[in-house]
Amino acid sequence: MASATAKRQILIVDDEAHVREIVKTCLETLGGWNTISAVSGEEGLLQAMAHRPDAIVLDVMMPEMNGLDFLQRLRTNPVTQSIPVVILSAEADRLEPGCFPGLAIAGIIPKPFNPITLHQRIAQILTWESC
């Protein structure tokens, strides 16, 4: 994980290319953070282990491995279990952090989201100083 003076690194896990690109652009350009992207839950787990990001922005509805399965595997791995996760989902109105007992969700942001304030929302959820 990044030191206090280093740029924060965020892993974006979403199967939709346009969403990944928008989130990446917002977080890098407006937040000043580094990003890594994964197109699936399986790839996301590999990226999380390899890079140990400061946080993960996760879609819930993905083929093959959904967000819940991803979280369960993330939390059982000692290398990745403490990485904070922010859910970014079109199903956010039906979700709340309590929907994922024991999986330590930091927060939920609904899709569609405001790209101008996305980095601020994530920083607020993670109690990072806002940019």
N, C-alpha and C. Protein backbone atom coordinates (compact mmCIF):
# COMPACT_ATOMS: atom_id res chain seq x y z
N MET A 1 0.84 -1.19 0.00
CA MET A 1 0.00 0.00 0.00
C MET A 1 0.88 1.24 0.00
N ALA A 2 0.33 2.31 -0.50
CA ALA A 2 1.09 3.55 -0.68
C ALA A 2 1.40 4.21 0.66
N SER A 3 2.55 4.85 0.71
CA SER A 3 2.88 5.63 1.90
C SER A 3 2.09 6.93 1.86
N ALA A 4 2.19 7.71 2.91
CA ALA A 4 1.41 8.94 3.00
C ALA A 4 1.76 9.92 1.89
N THR A 5 3.00 9.89 1.39
CA THR A 5 3.40 10.84 0.37
C THR A 5 3.29 10.28 -1.05
N ALA A 6 3.14 8.98 -1.18
CA ALA A 6 3.04 8.36 -2.51
C ALA A 6 1.61 8.48 -3.03
N LYS A 7 1.49 8.39 -4.36
CA LYS A 7 0.16 8.40 -4.96
C LYS A 7 -0.59 7.14 -4.55
N ARG A 8 -1.85 7.29 -4.28
CA ARG A 8 -2.67 6.13 -3.95
C ARG A 8 -2.90 5.31 -5.21
N GLN A 9 -3.04 4.01 -5.01
CA GLN A 9 -3.27 3.10 -6.13
C GLN A 9 -4.62 2.42 -5.93
N ILE A 10 -5.46 2.50 -6.96
CA ILE A 10 -6.81 1.96 -6.89
C ILE A 10 -6.96 0.87 -7.95
N LEU A 11 -7.50 -0.27 -7.55
CA LEU A 11 -7.83 -1.34 -8.48
C LEU A 11 -9.30 -1.22 -8.85
N ILE A 12 -9.58 -1.14 -10.15
CA ILE A 12 -10.94 -1.04 -10.67
C ILE A 12 -11.31 -2.41 -11.24
N VAL A 13 -12.36 -3.03 -10.69
CA VAL A 13 -12.80 -4.34 -11.16
C VAL A 13 -14.22 -4.19 -11.70
N ASP A 14 -14.34 -4.21 -13.03
CA ASP A 14 -15.64 -4.04 -13.69
C ASP A 14 -15.56 -4.69 -15.06
N ASP A 15 -16.59 -5.45 -15.43
CA ASP A 15 -16.57 -6.13 -16.71
C ASP A 15 -16.93 -5.22 -17.89
N GLU A 16 -17.43 -4.03 -17.61
CA GLU A 16 -17.81 -3.10 -18.69
C GLU A 16 -16.66 -2.14 -18.98
N ALA A 17 -16.13 -2.24 -20.21
CA ALA A 17 -14.95 -1.46 -20.60
C ALA A 17 -15.17 0.04 -20.47
N HIS A 18 -16.35 0.53 -20.87
CA HIS A 18 -16.58 1.98 -20.81
C HIS A 18 -16.63 2.47 -19.36
N VAL A 19 -17.16 1.67 -18.46
CA VAL A 19 -17.19 2.07 -17.04
C VAL A 19 -15.77 2.09 -16.48
N ARG A 20 -14.99 1.06 -16.78
CA ARG A 20 -13.60 1.03 -16.33
C ARG A 20 -12.84 2.26 -16.81
N GLU A 21 -13.04 2.62 -18.08
CA GLU A 21 -12.32 3.76 -18.65
C GLU A 21 -12.74 5.08 -18.00
N ILE A 22 -14.03 5.25 -17.76
CA ILE A 22 -14.52 6.48 -17.11
C ILE A 22 -13.96 6.58 -15.69
N VAL A 23 -14.06 5.49 -14.94
CA VAL A 23 -13.56 5.49 -13.55
C VAL A 23 -12.06 5.77 -13.54
N LYS A 24 -11.32 5.10 -14.42
CA LYS A 24 -9.87 5.30 -14.53
C LYS A 24 -9.54 6.76 -14.79
N THR A 25 -10.20 7.36 -15.78
CA THR A 25 -9.95 8.75 -16.13
C THR A 25 -10.27 9.68 -14.97
N CYS A 26 -11.40 9.46 -14.31
CA CYS A 26 -11.80 10.30 -13.17
C CYS A 26 -10.78 10.22 -12.03
N LEU A 27 -10.40 9.01 -11.68
CA LEU A 27 -9.51 8.84 -10.53
C LEU A 27 -8.10 9.32 -10.81
N GLU A 28 -7.64 9.13 -12.04
CA GLU A 28 -6.28 9.58 -12.38
C GLU A 28 -6.22 11.08 -12.60
N THR A 29 -7.17 11.61 -13.37
CA THR A 29 -7.14 13.03 -13.73
C THR A 29 -7.57 13.93 -12.58
N LEU A 30 -8.69 13.61 -11.96
CA LEU A 30 -9.23 14.47 -10.91
C LEU A 30 -8.70 14.11 -9.52
N GLY A 31 -8.47 12.83 -9.28
CA GLY A 31 -8.00 12.40 -7.96
C GLY A 31 -6.49 12.37 -7.83
N GLY A 32 -5.80 12.31 -8.99
CA GLY A 32 -4.34 12.23 -8.95
C GLY A 32 -3.83 10.87 -8.50
N TRP A 33 -4.68 9.85 -8.59
CA TRP A 33 -4.32 8.51 -8.14
C TRP A 33 -3.87 7.66 -9.31
N ASN A 34 -3.15 6.61 -9.02
CA ASN A 34 -2.80 5.60 -10.02
C ASN A 34 -3.90 4.54 -10.02
N THR A 35 -4.15 3.95 -11.18
CA THR A 35 -5.17 2.90 -11.25
C THR A 35 -4.62 1.67 -11.95
N ILE A 36 -5.22 0.56 -11.61
CA ILE A 36 -5.01 -0.73 -12.26
C ILE A 36 -6.42 -1.20 -12.59
N SER A 37 -6.60 -1.85 -13.73
CA SER A 37 -7.93 -2.31 -14.12
C SER A 37 -7.96 -3.82 -14.27
N ALA A 38 -9.12 -4.40 -13.99
CA ALA A 38 -9.35 -5.82 -14.19
C ALA A 38 -10.74 -6.00 -14.80
N VAL A 39 -10.84 -6.89 -15.77
CA VAL A 39 -12.10 -7.10 -16.50
C VAL A 39 -12.98 -8.17 -15.86
N SER A 40 -12.45 -8.87 -14.85
CA SER A 40 -13.21 -9.94 -14.21
C SER A 40 -12.79 -10.06 -12.74
N GLY A 41 -13.60 -10.78 -11.99
CA GLY A 41 -13.26 -11.02 -10.60
C GLY A 41 -11.97 -11.80 -10.46
N GLU A 42 -11.79 -12.81 -11.30
CA GLU A 42 -10.57 -13.62 -11.24
C GLU A 42 -9.33 -12.77 -11.50
N GLU A 43 -9.39 -11.95 -12.55
CA GLU A 43 -8.26 -11.06 -12.84
C GLU A 43 -8.06 -10.06 -11.71
N GLY A 44 -9.16 -9.58 -11.14
CA GLY A 44 -9.08 -8.64 -10.02
C GLY A 44 -8.35 -9.22 -8.82
N LEU A 45 -8.62 -10.49 -8.51
CA LEU A 45 -7.93 -11.14 -7.40
C LEU A 45 -6.43 -11.24 -7.67
N LEU A 46 -6.08 -11.59 -8.90
CA LEU A 46 -4.66 -11.67 -9.26
C LEU A 46 -3.98 -10.31 -9.16
N GLN A 47 -4.67 -9.27 -9.65
CA GLN A 47 -4.12 -7.91 -9.58
C GLN A 47 -3.99 -7.44 -8.13
N ALA A 48 -4.98 -7.78 -7.31
CA ALA A 48 -4.93 -7.38 -5.89
C ALA A 48 -3.74 -8.03 -5.19
N MET A 49 -3.49 -9.29 -5.48
CA MET A 49 -2.35 -9.98 -4.87
C MET A 49 -1.03 -9.42 -5.37
N ALA A 50 -0.96 -9.13 -6.66
CA ALA A 50 0.30 -8.66 -7.25
C ALA A 50 0.64 -7.23 -6.85
N HIS A 51 -0.37 -6.36 -6.78
CA HIS A 51 -0.12 -4.92 -6.58
C HIS A 51 -0.48 -4.39 -5.20
N ARG A 52 -1.27 -5.14 -4.44
CA ARG A 52 -1.71 -4.70 -3.11
C ARG A 52 -2.16 -3.23 -3.13
N PRO A 53 -3.23 -2.94 -3.86
CA PRO A 53 -3.68 -1.55 -3.99
C PRO A 53 -4.17 -0.98 -2.66
N ASP A 54 -4.28 0.34 -2.62
CA ASP A 54 -4.79 1.02 -1.43
C ASP A 54 -6.29 0.82 -1.26
N ALA A 55 -6.98 0.57 -2.37
CA ALA A 55 -8.42 0.33 -2.34
C ALA A 55 -8.84 -0.34 -3.64
N ILE A 56 -10.04 -0.92 -3.60
CA ILE A 56 -10.63 -1.55 -4.78
C ILE A 56 -12.00 -0.94 -5.01
N VAL A 57 -12.27 -0.58 -6.27
CA VAL A 57 -13.60 -0.15 -6.70
C VAL A 57 -14.17 -1.34 -7.47
N LEU A 58 -15.27 -1.90 -6.98
CA LEU A 58 -15.78 -3.19 -7.45
C LEU A 58 -17.21 -3.11 -7.94
N ASP A 59 -17.44 -3.66 -9.13
CA ASP A 59 -18.80 -3.86 -9.64
C ASP A 59 -19.34 -5.15 -9.02
N VAL A 60 -20.63 -5.21 -8.76
CA VAL A 60 -21.23 -6.40 -8.17
C VAL A 60 -21.68 -7.39 -9.23
N MET A 61 -22.30 -6.88 -10.28
CA MET A 61 -22.88 -7.73 -11.32
C MET A 61 -21.86 -7.99 -12.43
N MET A 62 -21.18 -9.13 -12.32
CA MET A 62 -20.20 -9.53 -13.34
C MET A 62 -20.42 -11.00 -13.66
N PRO A 63 -20.12 -11.40 -14.90
CA PRO A 63 -20.25 -12.82 -15.25
C PRO A 63 -19.15 -13.64 -14.58
N GLU A 64 -19.35 -14.92 -14.51
CA GLU A 64 -18.41 -15.91 -13.97
C GLU A 64 -18.18 -15.76 -12.47
N MET A 65 -17.62 -14.65 -12.02
CA MET A 65 -17.42 -14.41 -10.59
C MET A 65 -18.03 -13.06 -10.25
N ASN A 66 -19.14 -13.09 -9.51
CA ASN A 66 -19.78 -11.81 -9.16
C ASN A 66 -19.02 -11.14 -8.01
N GLY A 67 -19.47 -9.94 -7.67
CA GLY A 67 -18.79 -9.17 -6.64
C GLY A 67 -18.76 -9.84 -5.27
N LEU A 68 -19.84 -10.54 -4.92
CA LEU A 68 -19.89 -11.24 -3.63
C LEU A 68 -18.84 -12.35 -3.58
N ASP A 69 -18.76 -13.14 -4.65
CA ASP A 69 -17.75 -14.20 -4.71
C ASP A 69 -16.34 -13.61 -4.64
N PHE A 70 -16.14 -12.51 -5.36
CA PHE A 70 -14.85 -11.82 -5.34
C PHE A 70 -14.49 -11.41 -3.91
N LEU A 71 -15.44 -10.79 -3.22
CA LEU A 71 -15.20 -10.33 -1.84
C LEU A 71 -14.88 -11.47 -0.90
N GLN A 72 -15.60 -12.57 -1.03
CA GLN A 72 -15.35 -13.72 -0.16
C GLN A 72 -13.92 -14.23 -0.34
N ARG A 73 -13.48 -14.32 -1.58
CA ARG A 73 -12.12 -14.80 -1.85
C ARG A 73 -11.07 -13.77 -1.42
N LEU A 74 -11.38 -12.49 -1.65
CA LEU A 74 -10.46 -11.42 -1.25
C LEU A 74 -10.23 -11.45 0.26
N ARG A 75 -11.30 -11.61 1.02
CA ARG A 75 -11.24 -11.56 2.48
C ARG A 75 -10.62 -12.80 3.11
N THR A 76 -10.58 -13.92 2.39
CA THR A 76 -9.98 -15.13 2.96
C THR A 76 -8.49 -15.23 2.66
N ASN A 77 -7.96 -14.32 1.85
CA ASN A 77 -6.54 -14.33 1.50
C ASN A 77 -5.81 -13.36 2.42
N PRO A 78 -4.84 -13.83 3.19
CA PRO A 78 -4.11 -12.94 4.11
C PRO A 78 -3.44 -11.75 3.43
N VAL A 79 -3.07 -11.90 2.17
CA VAL A 79 -2.40 -10.82 1.43
C VAL A 79 -3.38 -9.69 1.09
N THR A 80 -4.64 -10.04 0.85
CA THR A 80 -5.61 -9.05 0.35
C THR A 80 -6.75 -8.75 1.33
N GLN A 81 -6.82 -9.43 2.43
CA GLN A 81 -8.01 -9.34 3.29
C GLN A 81 -8.27 -7.95 3.87
N SER A 82 -7.26 -7.12 3.99
CA SER A 82 -7.47 -5.80 4.62
C SER A 82 -7.63 -4.66 3.61
N ILE A 83 -7.65 -4.96 2.31
CA ILE A 83 -7.81 -3.91 1.30
C ILE A 83 -9.24 -3.39 1.34
N PRO A 84 -9.45 -2.08 1.51
CA PRO A 84 -10.81 -1.55 1.52
C PRO A 84 -11.47 -1.66 0.15
N VAL A 85 -12.78 -1.94 0.16
CA VAL A 85 -13.53 -2.11 -1.08
C VAL A 85 -14.72 -1.16 -1.09
N VAL A 86 -14.85 -0.44 -2.21
CA VAL A 86 -16.01 0.41 -2.46
C VAL A 86 -16.78 -0.23 -3.61
N ILE A 87 -18.05 -0.50 -3.38
CA ILE A 87 -18.91 -1.08 -4.41
C ILE A 87 -19.42 0.04 -5.31
N LEU A 88 -19.35 -0.19 -6.61
CA LEU A 88 -19.88 0.74 -7.62
C LEU A 88 -20.88 -0.07 -8.42
N SER A 89 -22.20 0.18 -8.22
CA SER A 89 -23.18 -0.72 -8.80
C SER A 89 -24.48 -0.04 -9.19
N ALA A 90 -25.05 -0.52 -10.28
CA ALA A 90 -26.38 -0.08 -10.70
C ALA A 90 -27.44 -0.61 -9.75
N GLU A 91 -27.10 -1.60 -8.95
CA GLU A 91 -28.02 -2.20 -7.99
C GLU A 91 -27.88 -1.56 -6.60
N ALA A 92 -27.20 -0.44 -6.52
CA ALA A 92 -26.89 0.18 -5.23
C ALA A 92 -28.14 0.50 -4.41
N ASP A 93 -29.26 0.80 -5.07
CA ASP A 93 -30.48 1.12 -4.32
C ASP A 93 -31.00 -0.09 -3.55
N ARG A 94 -30.58 -1.29 -3.96
CA ARG A 94 -31.01 -2.51 -3.26
C ARG A 94 -29.93 -3.05 -2.33
N LEU A 95 -28.80 -2.36 -2.30
CA LEU A 95 -27.67 -2.82 -1.49
C LEU A 95 -27.38 -1.84 -0.36
N GLU A 96 -26.82 -2.35 0.68
CA GLU A 96 -26.28 -1.54 1.76
C GLU A 96 -25.12 -2.33 2.36
N PRO A 97 -24.20 -1.67 3.04
CA PRO A 97 -23.04 -2.40 3.55
C PRO A 97 -23.39 -3.67 4.34
N GLY A 98 -24.52 -3.69 5.02
CA GLY A 98 -24.94 -4.87 5.77
C GLY A 98 -25.32 -6.06 4.90
N CYS A 99 -25.46 -5.85 3.60
CA CYS A 99 -25.77 -6.95 2.67
C CYS A 99 -24.61 -7.92 2.54
N PHE A 100 -23.44 -7.51 2.98
CA PHE A 100 -22.24 -8.32 2.83
C PHE A 100 -21.64 -8.58 4.21
N PRO A 101 -22.33 -9.34 5.06
CA PRO A 101 -21.85 -9.53 6.43
C PRO A 101 -20.47 -10.17 6.46
N GLY A 102 -19.61 -9.58 7.28
CA GLY A 102 -18.27 -10.11 7.46
C GLY A 102 -17.31 -9.82 6.32
N LEU A 103 -17.77 -9.08 5.30
CA LEU A 103 -16.92 -8.84 4.13
C LEU A 103 -16.36 -7.42 4.11
N ALA A 104 -16.64 -6.65 5.13
CA ALA A 104 -16.02 -5.33 5.33
C ALA A 104 -16.07 -4.43 4.11
N ILE A 105 -17.28 -4.09 3.69
CA ILE A 105 -17.46 -3.13 2.60
C ILE A 105 -17.29 -1.73 3.17
N ALA A 106 -16.45 -0.92 2.54
CA ALA A 106 -16.24 0.45 3.02
C ALA A 106 -17.44 1.33 2.68
N GLY A 107 -18.04 1.11 1.51
CA GLY A 107 -19.18 1.91 1.10
C GLY A 107 -19.69 1.49 -0.27
N ILE A 108 -20.81 2.11 -0.65
CA ILE A 108 -21.46 1.80 -1.92
C ILE A 108 -21.77 3.09 -2.65
N ILE A 109 -21.41 3.14 -3.93
CA ILE A 109 -21.70 4.29 -4.79
C ILE A 109 -22.59 3.79 -5.93
N PRO A 110 -23.74 4.43 -6.14
CA PRO A 110 -24.64 3.98 -7.21
C PRO A 110 -24.16 4.38 -8.60
N LYS A 111 -24.46 3.51 -9.57
CA LYS A 111 -24.33 3.86 -11.00
C LYS A 111 -25.72 4.30 -11.43
N PRO A 112 -25.86 5.31 -12.23
CA PRO A 112 -24.79 6.16 -12.72
C PRO A 112 -24.26 7.06 -11.60
N PHE A 113 -23.01 7.43 -11.73
CA PHE A 113 -22.35 8.28 -10.74
C PHE A 113 -21.91 9.57 -11.42
N ASN A 114 -21.62 10.58 -10.61
CA ASN A 114 -21.12 11.85 -11.14
C ASN A 114 -19.61 11.72 -11.32
N PRO A 115 -19.11 11.72 -12.56
CA PRO A 115 -17.68 11.53 -12.77
C PRO A 115 -16.82 12.64 -12.17
N ILE A 116 -17.37 13.83 -12.05
CA ILE A 116 -16.61 14.96 -11.51
C ILE A 116 -16.33 14.79 -10.02
N THR A 117 -17.24 14.16 -9.30
CA THR A 117 -17.09 14.02 -7.85
C THR A 117 -16.75 12.60 -7.40
N LEU A 118 -16.56 11.68 -8.33
CA LEU A 118 -16.32 10.28 -7.96
C LEU A 118 -15.11 10.14 -7.02
N HIS A 119 -14.01 10.78 -7.35
CA HIS A 119 -12.81 10.66 -6.50
C HIS A 119 -13.07 11.22 -5.10
N GLN A 120 -13.88 12.27 -5.01
CA GLN A 120 -14.20 12.85 -3.70
C GLN A 120 -15.08 11.89 -2.89
N ARG A 121 -16.03 11.24 -3.56
CA ARG A 121 -16.90 10.27 -2.87
C ARG A 121 -16.07 9.11 -2.32
N ILE A 122 -15.16 8.62 -3.15
CA ILE A 122 -14.31 7.50 -2.72
C ILE A 122 -13.42 7.94 -1.56
N ALA A 123 -12.81 9.11 -1.66
CA ALA A 123 -11.96 9.63 -0.58
C ALA A 123 -12.76 9.79 0.71
N GLN A 124 -13.99 10.26 0.59
CA GLN A 124 -14.84 10.44 1.77
C GLN A 124 -15.17 9.09 2.41
N ILE A 125 -15.56 8.12 1.59
CA ILE A 125 -15.89 6.79 2.10
C ILE A 125 -14.70 6.17 2.82
N LEU A 126 -13.52 6.35 2.25
CA LEU A 126 -12.31 5.73 2.80
C LEU A 126 -11.62 6.59 3.85
N THR A 127 -12.23 7.73 4.16
CA THR A 127 -11.69 8.73 5.10
C THR A 127 -10.27 9.15 4.73
N TRP A 128 -10.05 9.30 3.43
CA TRP A 128 -8.81 9.88 2.93
C TRP A 128 -9.04 11.37 2.81
N GLU A 129 -7.98 12.14 2.86
CA GLU A 129 -8.14 13.57 2.63
C GLU A 129 -8.61 13.77 1.21
N SER A 130 -9.66 14.55 1.03
CA SER A 130 -10.21 14.80 -0.30
C SER A 130 -9.25 15.65 -1.11
N CYS A 131 -9.30 15.43 -2.42
CA CYS A 131 -8.43 16.19 -3.33
C CYS A 131 -9.03 17.54 -3.62
